[in-house]
Amino acid sequence: MTVVDTDRIEMADISDERTLDMMFEWLEPTPEGFKVEIVEGNIYMSPQRRTHWRIILDIIEQLRERYPRESLLSDVRIDFPGLLNGFACDVVALAEGATEDANGRCRYQDIEFVAEVISKNTAANDYGAKKATYATAGVPVYVIVDPYTGTWHLHTLPKGDEYRSVLSLDFGTPIDLTATLVGLTLETGEFPRD
């Protein structure tokens, strides 16, 4: 007796192409207090912590010296180049005259500054795939703030999928961005630690 698996044959004809919009729709509604990102096609949900938020707010308050309120974002979806990269960056500063894409979202091409505050469960993304994506996208300034180690990491001069200049120092040492598009110094002495 021969068995023909007609279901398998039909399934082969159905496209399995995922899109960022489709994947984000699957996740609606997002539980309150959680941040959702898609990194290289993988979905990450992280709870917001008090330490995390205090650092984000501190950075945003300092960036207000240079950027108007409407140019600063936190946890807003921005689609980046590569396979299924929809990030909700912790802090983004957009260039003057930034425009929206056809879907009403901010464009990665308008980003002058990104900061990510490390969470234990998604730290590998911030130090790895997201850093490479930001470099590929040409984000001129990327700062990683790590409350677990009490350090910050400044990445500038993107080329390909990496940053040519990296400086890592401890909390308490200012992040000098005066030689970048950002044009100011971020104080880190009040960043809390986990």
C-alpha atoms as a PDB file:
ATOM      1  CA  MET A   1       0.000   0.000   0.000  1.00  0.00           C
ATOM      2  CA  THR A   2       1.351   3.406  -0.992  1.00  0.00           C
ATOM      3  CA  VAL A   3       0.433   6.494   0.994  1.00  0.00           C
ATOM      4  CA  VAL A   4       0.622   9.880  -0.684  1.00  0.00           C
ATOM      5  CA  ASP A   5       1.019  12.790   1.681  1.00  0.00           C
ATOM      6  CA  THR A   6      -1.070  15.392  -0.169  1.00  0.00           C
ATOM      7  CA  ASP A   7      -0.968  17.798   2.789  1.00  0.00           C
ATOM      8  CA  ARG A   8       2.813  17.969   2.589  1.00  0.00           C
ATOM      9  CA  ILE A   9       2.686  18.656  -1.158  1.00  0.00           C
ATOM     10  CA  GLU A  10       0.172  21.487  -0.702  1.00  0.00           C
ATOM     11  CA  MET A  11       2.172  22.999   2.165  1.00  0.00           C
ATOM     12  CA  ALA A  12       5.254  23.223  -0.048  1.00  0.00           C
ATOM     13  CA  ASP A  13       3.382  25.687  -2.261  1.00  0.00           C
ATOM     14  CA  ILE A  14       2.525  28.052   0.622  1.00  0.00           C
ATOM     15  CA  SER A  15       5.010  30.885   1.141  1.00  0.00           C
ATOM     16  CA  ASP A  16       6.654  31.117   4.561  1.00  0.00           C
ATOM     17  CA  GLU A  17       7.864  34.681   4.039  1.00  0.00           C
ATOM     18  CA  ARG A  18       7.655  36.619   7.280  1.00  0.00           C
ATOM     19  CA  THR A  19       7.652  40.389   7.448  1.00  0.00           C
ATOM     20  CA  LEU A  20       8.365  42.680  10.367  1.00  0.00           C
ATOM     21  CA  ASP A  21       4.816  44.034  10.223  1.00  0.00           C
ATOM     22  CA  MET A  22       3.402  40.511  10.379  1.00  0.00           C
ATOM     23  CA  MET A  23       5.620  39.549  13.309  1.00  0.00           C
ATOM     24  CA  PHE A  24       4.805  42.693  15.302  1.00  0.00           C
ATOM     25  CA  GLU A  25       1.086  42.103  14.664  1.00  0.00           C
ATOM     26  CA  TRP A  26       1.430  38.632  16.222  1.00  0.00           C
ATOM     27  CA  LEU A  27       2.703  40.288  19.385  1.00  0.00           C
ATOM     28  CA  GLU A  28      -0.169  42.754  19.841  1.00  0.00           C
ATOM     29  CA  PRO A  29      -1.103  43.689  22.429  1.00  0.00           C
ATOM     30  CA  THR A  30       2.294  43.772  24.125  1.00  0.00           C
ATOM     31  CA  PRO A  31       2.080  43.273  27.889  1.00  0.00           C
ATOM     32  CA  GLU A  32       2.450  46.540  29.794  1.00  0.00           C
ATOM     33  CA  GLY A  33       5.963  47.207  31.007  1.00  0.00           C
ATOM     34  CA  PHE A  34       7.626  45.103  28.313  1.00  0.00           C
ATOM     35  CA  LYS A  35       9.794  46.147  25.404  1.00  0.00           C
ATOM     36  CA  VAL A  36       9.527  44.097  22.197  1.00  0.00           C
ATOM     37  CA  GLU A  37      12.173  43.898  19.495  1.00  0.00           C
ATOM     38  CA  ILE A  38      12.889  41.662  16.549  1.00  0.00           C
ATOM     39  CA  VAL A  39      16.598  41.058  16.013  1.00  0.00           C
ATOM     40  CA  GLU A  40      17.594  39.023  12.961  1.00  0.00           C
ATOM     41  CA  GLY A  41      14.113  37.478  12.880  1.00  0.00           C
ATOM     42  CA  ASN A  42      14.108  36.501  16.580  1.00  0.00           C
ATOM     43  CA  ILE A  43      11.558  38.028  18.941  1.00  0.00           C
ATOM     44  CA  TYR A  44      12.733  39.432  22.284  1.00  0.00           C
ATOM     45  CA  MET A  45      10.473  40.668  25.089  1.00  0.00           C
ATOM     46  CA  SER A  46      12.171  42.358  28.011  1.00  0.00           C
ATOM     47  CA  PRO A  47      10.623  43.850  31.138  1.00  0.00           C
ATOM     48  CA  GLN A  48      11.624  47.429  31.843  1.00  0.00           C
ATOM     49  CA  ARG A  49      13.574  47.820  35.069  1.00  0.00           C
ATOM     50  CA  ARG A  50      13.867  50.918  37.217  1.00  0.00           C
ATOM     51  CA  THR A  51      17.671  51.129  36.801  1.00  0.00           C
ATOM     52  CA  HIS A  52      17.285  50.762  33.034  1.00  0.00           C
ATOM     53  CA  TRP A  53      14.709  53.546  32.832  1.00  0.00           C
ATOM     54  CA  ARG A  54      16.680  55.938  35.077  1.00  0.00           C
ATOM     55  CA  ILE A  55      19.712  55.691  32.787  1.00  0.00           C
ATOM     56  CA  ILE A  56      17.557  56.190  29.677  1.00  0.00           C
ATOM     57  CA  LEU A  57      15.910  59.255  31.218  1.00  0.00           C
ATOM     58  CA  ASP A  58      19.278  60.681  32.305  1.00  0.00           C
ATOM     59  CA  ILE A  59      20.644  60.356  28.759  1.00  0.00           C
ATOM     60  CA  ILE A  60      17.508  61.916  27.219  1.00  0.00           C
ATOM     61  CA  GLU A  61      17.602  64.833  29.667  1.00  0.00           C
ATOM     62  CA  GLN A  62      21.228  65.536  28.752  1.00  0.00           C
ATOM     63  CA  LEU A  63      20.557  65.242  25.015  1.00  0.00           C
ATOM     64  CA  ARG A  64      17.840  67.924  25.367  1.00  0.00           C
ATOM     65  CA  GLU A  65      20.685  70.481  25.512  1.00  0.00           C
ATOM     66  CA  ARG A  66      21.258  69.773  21.805  1.00  0.00           C
ATOM     67  CA  TYR A  67      18.101  68.103  20.456  1.00  0.00           C
ATOM     68  CA  PRO A  68      14.485  69.270  20.512  1.00  0.00           C
ATOM     69  CA  ARG A  69      11.995  66.948  22.217  1.00  0.00           C
ATOM     70  CA  GLU A  70      10.531  65.729  18.900  1.00  0.00           C
ATOM     71  CA  SER A  71      13.988  64.515  17.791  1.00  0.00           C
ATOM     72  CA  LEU A  72      14.416  62.180  20.786  1.00  0.00           C
ATOM     73  CA  LEU A  73      12.833  58.741  21.025  1.00  0.00           C
ATOM     74  CA  SER A  74      12.789  55.798  23.396  1.00  0.00           C
ATOM     75  CA  ASP A  75      11.365  52.336  22.731  1.00  0.00           C
ATOM     76  CA  VAL A  76       9.875  53.318  19.352  1.00  0.00           C
ATOM     77  CA  ARG A  77      10.086  50.801  16.519  1.00  0.00           C
ATOM     78  CA  ILE A  78      12.579  51.596  13.789  1.00  0.00           C
ATOM     79  CA  ASP A  79      13.263  49.120  10.991  1.00  0.00           C
ATOM     80  CA  PHE A  80      16.920  48.563  10.148  1.00  0.00           C
ATOM     81  CA  PRO A  81      18.698  46.877   7.235  1.00  0.00           C
ATOM     82  CA  GLY A  82      19.298  43.151   7.323  1.00  0.00           C
ATOM     83  CA  LEU A  83      16.959  40.218   7.793  1.00  0.00           C
ATOM     84  CA  LEU A  84      13.964  41.177   9.960  1.00  0.00           C
ATOM     85  CA  ASN A  85      15.462  43.871  12.196  1.00  0.00           C
ATOM     86  CA  GLY A  86      12.808  45.940  13.987  1.00  0.00           C
ATOM     87  CA  PHE A  87      14.457  47.570  17.001  1.00  0.00           C
ATOM     88  CA  ALA A  88      12.951  49.618  19.829  1.00  0.00           C
ATOM     89  CA  CYS A  89      16.174  51.431  20.741  1.00  0.00           C
ATOM     90  CA  ASP A  90      16.517  52.683  24.306  1.00  0.00           C
ATOM     91  CA  VAL A  91      17.499  56.200  23.152  1.00  0.00           C
ATOM     92  CA  VAL A  92      17.580  57.658  19.644  1.00  0.00           C
ATOM     93  CA  ALA A  93      18.481  61.182  18.549  1.00  0.00           C
ATOM     94  CA  LEU A  94      17.330  62.109  15.053  1.00  0.00           C
ATOM     95  CA  ALA A  95      18.902  64.667  12.744  1.00  0.00           C
ATOM     96  CA  GLU A  96      17.199  67.984  12.132  1.00  0.00           C
ATOM     97  CA  GLY A  97      14.741  67.601   9.257  1.00  0.00           C
ATOM     98  CA  ALA A  98      14.227  63.866   9.845  1.00  0.00           C
ATOM     99  CA  THR A  99      11.358  62.408   7.818  1.00  0.00           C
ATOM    100  CA  GLU A 100       9.109  59.382   8.151  1.00  0.00           C
ATOM    101  CA  ASP A 101       9.039  56.393   5.820  1.00  0.00           C
ATOM    102  CA  ALA A 102       5.966  55.331   3.812  1.00  0.00           C
ATOM    103  CA  ASN A 103       4.575  53.566   6.917  1.00  0.00           C
ATOM    104  CA  GLY A 104       4.885  56.631   9.153  1.00  0.00           C
ATOM    105  CA  ARG A 105       7.958  55.302  10.999  1.00  0.00           C
ATOM    106  CA  CYS A 106      11.246  57.040  11.651  1.00  0.00           C
ATOM    107  CA  ARG A 107      13.976  56.189   9.168  1.00  0.00           C
ATOM    108  CA  TYR A 108      17.266  54.716  10.337  1.00  0.00           C
ATOM    109  CA  GLN A 109      19.029  57.007   7.844  1.00  0.00           C
ATOM    110  CA  ASP A 110      18.107  60.008  10.060  1.00  0.00           C
ATOM    111  CA  ILE A 111      19.679  58.653  13.254  1.00  0.00           C
ATOM    112  CA  GLU A 112      22.659  60.548  14.676  1.00  0.00           C
ATOM    113  CA  PHE A 113      22.893  58.772  18.042  1.00  0.00           C
ATOM    114  CA  VAL A 114      21.723  55.504  19.610  1.00  0.00           C
ATOM    115  CA  ALA A 115      22.176  54.338  23.195  1.00  0.00           C
ATOM    116  CA  GLU A 116      21.315  50.895  24.509  1.00  0.00           C
ATOM    117  CA  VAL A 117      21.207  50.123  28.223  1.00  0.00           C
ATOM    118  CA  ILE A 118      22.127  46.505  28.864  1.00  0.00           C
ATOM    119  CA  SER A 119      19.583  43.983  30.136  1.00  0.00           C
ATOM    120  CA  LYS A 120      20.961  40.621  31.222  1.00  0.00           C
ATOM    121  CA  ASN A 121      18.798  38.538  28.899  1.00  0.00           C
ATOM    122  CA  THR A 122      19.426  40.594  25.750  1.00  0.00           C
ATOM    123  CA  ALA A 123      22.976  41.877  26.325  1.00  0.00           C
ATOM    124  CA  ALA A 124      24.349  39.671  23.546  1.00  0.00           C
ATOM    125  CA  ASN A 125      22.145  41.541  21.047  1.00  0.00           C
ATOM    126  CA  ASP A 126      23.398  44.977  22.114  1.00  0.00           C
ATOM    127  CA  TYR A 127      27.052  43.918  22.020  1.00  0.00           C
ATOM    128  CA  GLY A 128      26.633  41.754  18.885  1.00  0.00           C
ATOM    129  CA  ALA A 129      23.884  41.737  16.266  1.00  0.00           C
ATOM    130  CA  LYS A 130      22.500  45.197  17.042  1.00  0.00           C
ATOM    131  CA  LYS A 131      25.959  46.781  17.101  1.00  0.00           C
ATOM    132  CA  ALA A 132      26.712  45.253  13.679  1.00  0.00           C
ATOM    133  CA  THR A 133      23.342  46.411  12.344  1.00  0.00           C
ATOM    134  CA  TYR A 134      23.839  49.960  13.625  1.00  0.00           C
ATOM    135  CA  ALA A 135      27.252  50.067  11.940  1.00  0.00           C
ATOM    136  CA  THR A 136      25.808  48.696   8.693  1.00  0.00           C
ATOM    137  CA  ALA A 137      23.059  51.337   8.866  1.00  0.00           C
ATOM    138  CA  GLY A 138      25.711  54.039   9.242  1.00  0.00           C
ATOM    139  CA  VAL A 139      24.616  55.198  12.711  1.00  0.00           C
ATOM    140  CA  PRO A 140      27.487  57.575  13.539  1.00  0.00           C
ATOM    141  CA  VAL A 141      27.400  57.265  17.352  1.00  0.00           C
ATOM    142  CA  TYR A 142      26.408  54.149  19.311  1.00  0.00           C
ATOM    143  CA  VAL A 143      26.748  54.029  23.101  1.00  0.00           C
ATOM    144  CA  ILE A 144      26.273  50.887  25.192  1.00  0.00           C
ATOM    145  CA  VAL A 145      25.674  51.520  28.896  1.00  0.00           C
ATOM    146  CA  ASP A 146      26.178  48.480  31.132  1.00  0.00           C
ATOM    147  CA  PRO A 147      24.802  48.909  34.680  1.00  0.00           C
ATOM    148  CA  TYR A 148      26.047  45.414  35.630  1.00  0.00           C
ATOM    149  CA  THR A 149      29.714  46.270  35.054  1.00  0.00           C
ATOM    150  CA  GLY A 150      29.407  50.022  35.640  1.00  0.00           C
ATOM    151  CA  THR A 151      30.943  50.741  32.238  1.00  0.00           C
ATOM    152  CA  TRP A 152      30.005  52.513  29.016  1.00  0.00           C
ATOM    153  CA  HIS A 153      31.233  51.796  25.496  1.00  0.00           C
ATOM    154  CA  LEU A 154      31.368  54.488  22.813  1.00  0.00           C
ATOM    155  CA  HIS A 155      31.346  53.276  19.192  1.00  0.00           C
ATOM    156  CA  THR A 156      32.032  55.698  16.336  1.00  0.00           C
ATOM    157  CA  LEU A 157      33.298  55.630  12.745  1.00  0.00           C
ATOM    158  CA  PRO A 158      31.063  52.909  11.285  1.00  0.00           C
ATOM    159  CA  LYS A 159      32.477  50.970   8.344  1.00  0.00           C
ATOM    160  CA  GLY A 160      30.755  47.881   6.999  1.00  0.00           C
ATOM    161  CA  ASP A 161      29.306  45.990   9.933  1.00  0.00           C
ATOM    162  CA  GLU A 162      31.706  47.269  12.578  1.00  0.00           C
ATOM    163  CA  TYR A 163      32.822  50.441  14.303  1.00  0.00           C
ATOM    164  CA  ARG A 164      36.440  51.494  13.784  1.00  0.00           C
ATOM    165  CA  SER A 165      36.654  53.479  17.020  1.00  0.00           C
ATOM    166  CA  VAL A 166      35.678  52.046  20.407  1.00  0.00           C
ATOM    167  CA  LEU A 167      36.273  53.591  23.819  1.00  0.00           C
ATOM    168  CA  SER A 168      35.221  51.868  27.056  1.00  0.00           C
ATOM    169  CA  LEU A 169      35.384  53.543  30.454  1.00  0.00           C
ATOM    170  CA  ASP A 170      33.743  53.424  33.895  1.00  0.00           C
ATOM    171  CA  PHE A 171      30.657  55.241  35.158  1.00  0.00           C
ATOM    172  CA  GLY A 172      31.763  58.588  36.508  1.00  0.00           C
ATOM    173  CA  THR A 173      33.885  59.295  33.436  1.00  0.00           C
ATOM    174  CA  PRO A 174      32.054  61.614  31.002  1.00  0.00           C
ATOM    175  CA  ILE A 175      31.287  60.411  27.466  1.00  0.00           C
ATOM    176  CA  ASP A 176      32.887  63.073  25.270  1.00  0.00           C
ATOM    177  CA  LEU A 177      30.807  63.409  22.100  1.00  0.00           C
ATOM    178  CA  THR A 178      32.024  66.908  21.219  1.00  0.00           C
ATOM    179  CA  ALA A 179      33.938  65.636  18.165  1.00  0.00           C
ATOM    180  CA  THR A 180      30.796  63.872  16.820  1.00  0.00           C
ATOM    181  CA  LEU A 181      27.524  65.118  15.304  1.00  0.00           C
ATOM    182  CA  VAL A 182      26.059  65.070  18.824  1.00  0.00           C
ATOM    183  CA  GLY A 183      28.456  67.815  19.927  1.00  0.00           C
ATOM    184  CA  LEU A 184      28.154  67.507  23.705  1.00  0.00           C
ATOM    185  CA  THR A 185      29.417  65.549  26.699  1.00  0.00           C
ATOM    186  CA  LEU A 186      27.236  63.075  28.601  1.00  0.00           C
ATOM    187  CA  GLU A 187      27.847  62.912  32.343  1.00  0.00           C
ATOM    188  CA  THR A 188      27.696  59.360  33.735  1.00  0.00           C
ATOM    189  CA  GLY A 189      28.344  59.951  37.429  1.00  0.00           C
ATOM    190  CA  GLU A 190      24.678  59.505  38.365  1.00  0.00           C
ATOM    191  CA  PHE A 191      24.059  56.362  36.294  1.00  0.00           C
ATOM    192  CA  PRO A 192      22.793  53.720  38.756  1.00  0.00           C
ATOM    193  CA  ARG A 193      24.233  50.208  38.840  1.00  0.00           C
ATOM    194  CA  ASP A 194      22.490  46.857  39.064  1.00  0.00           C
END
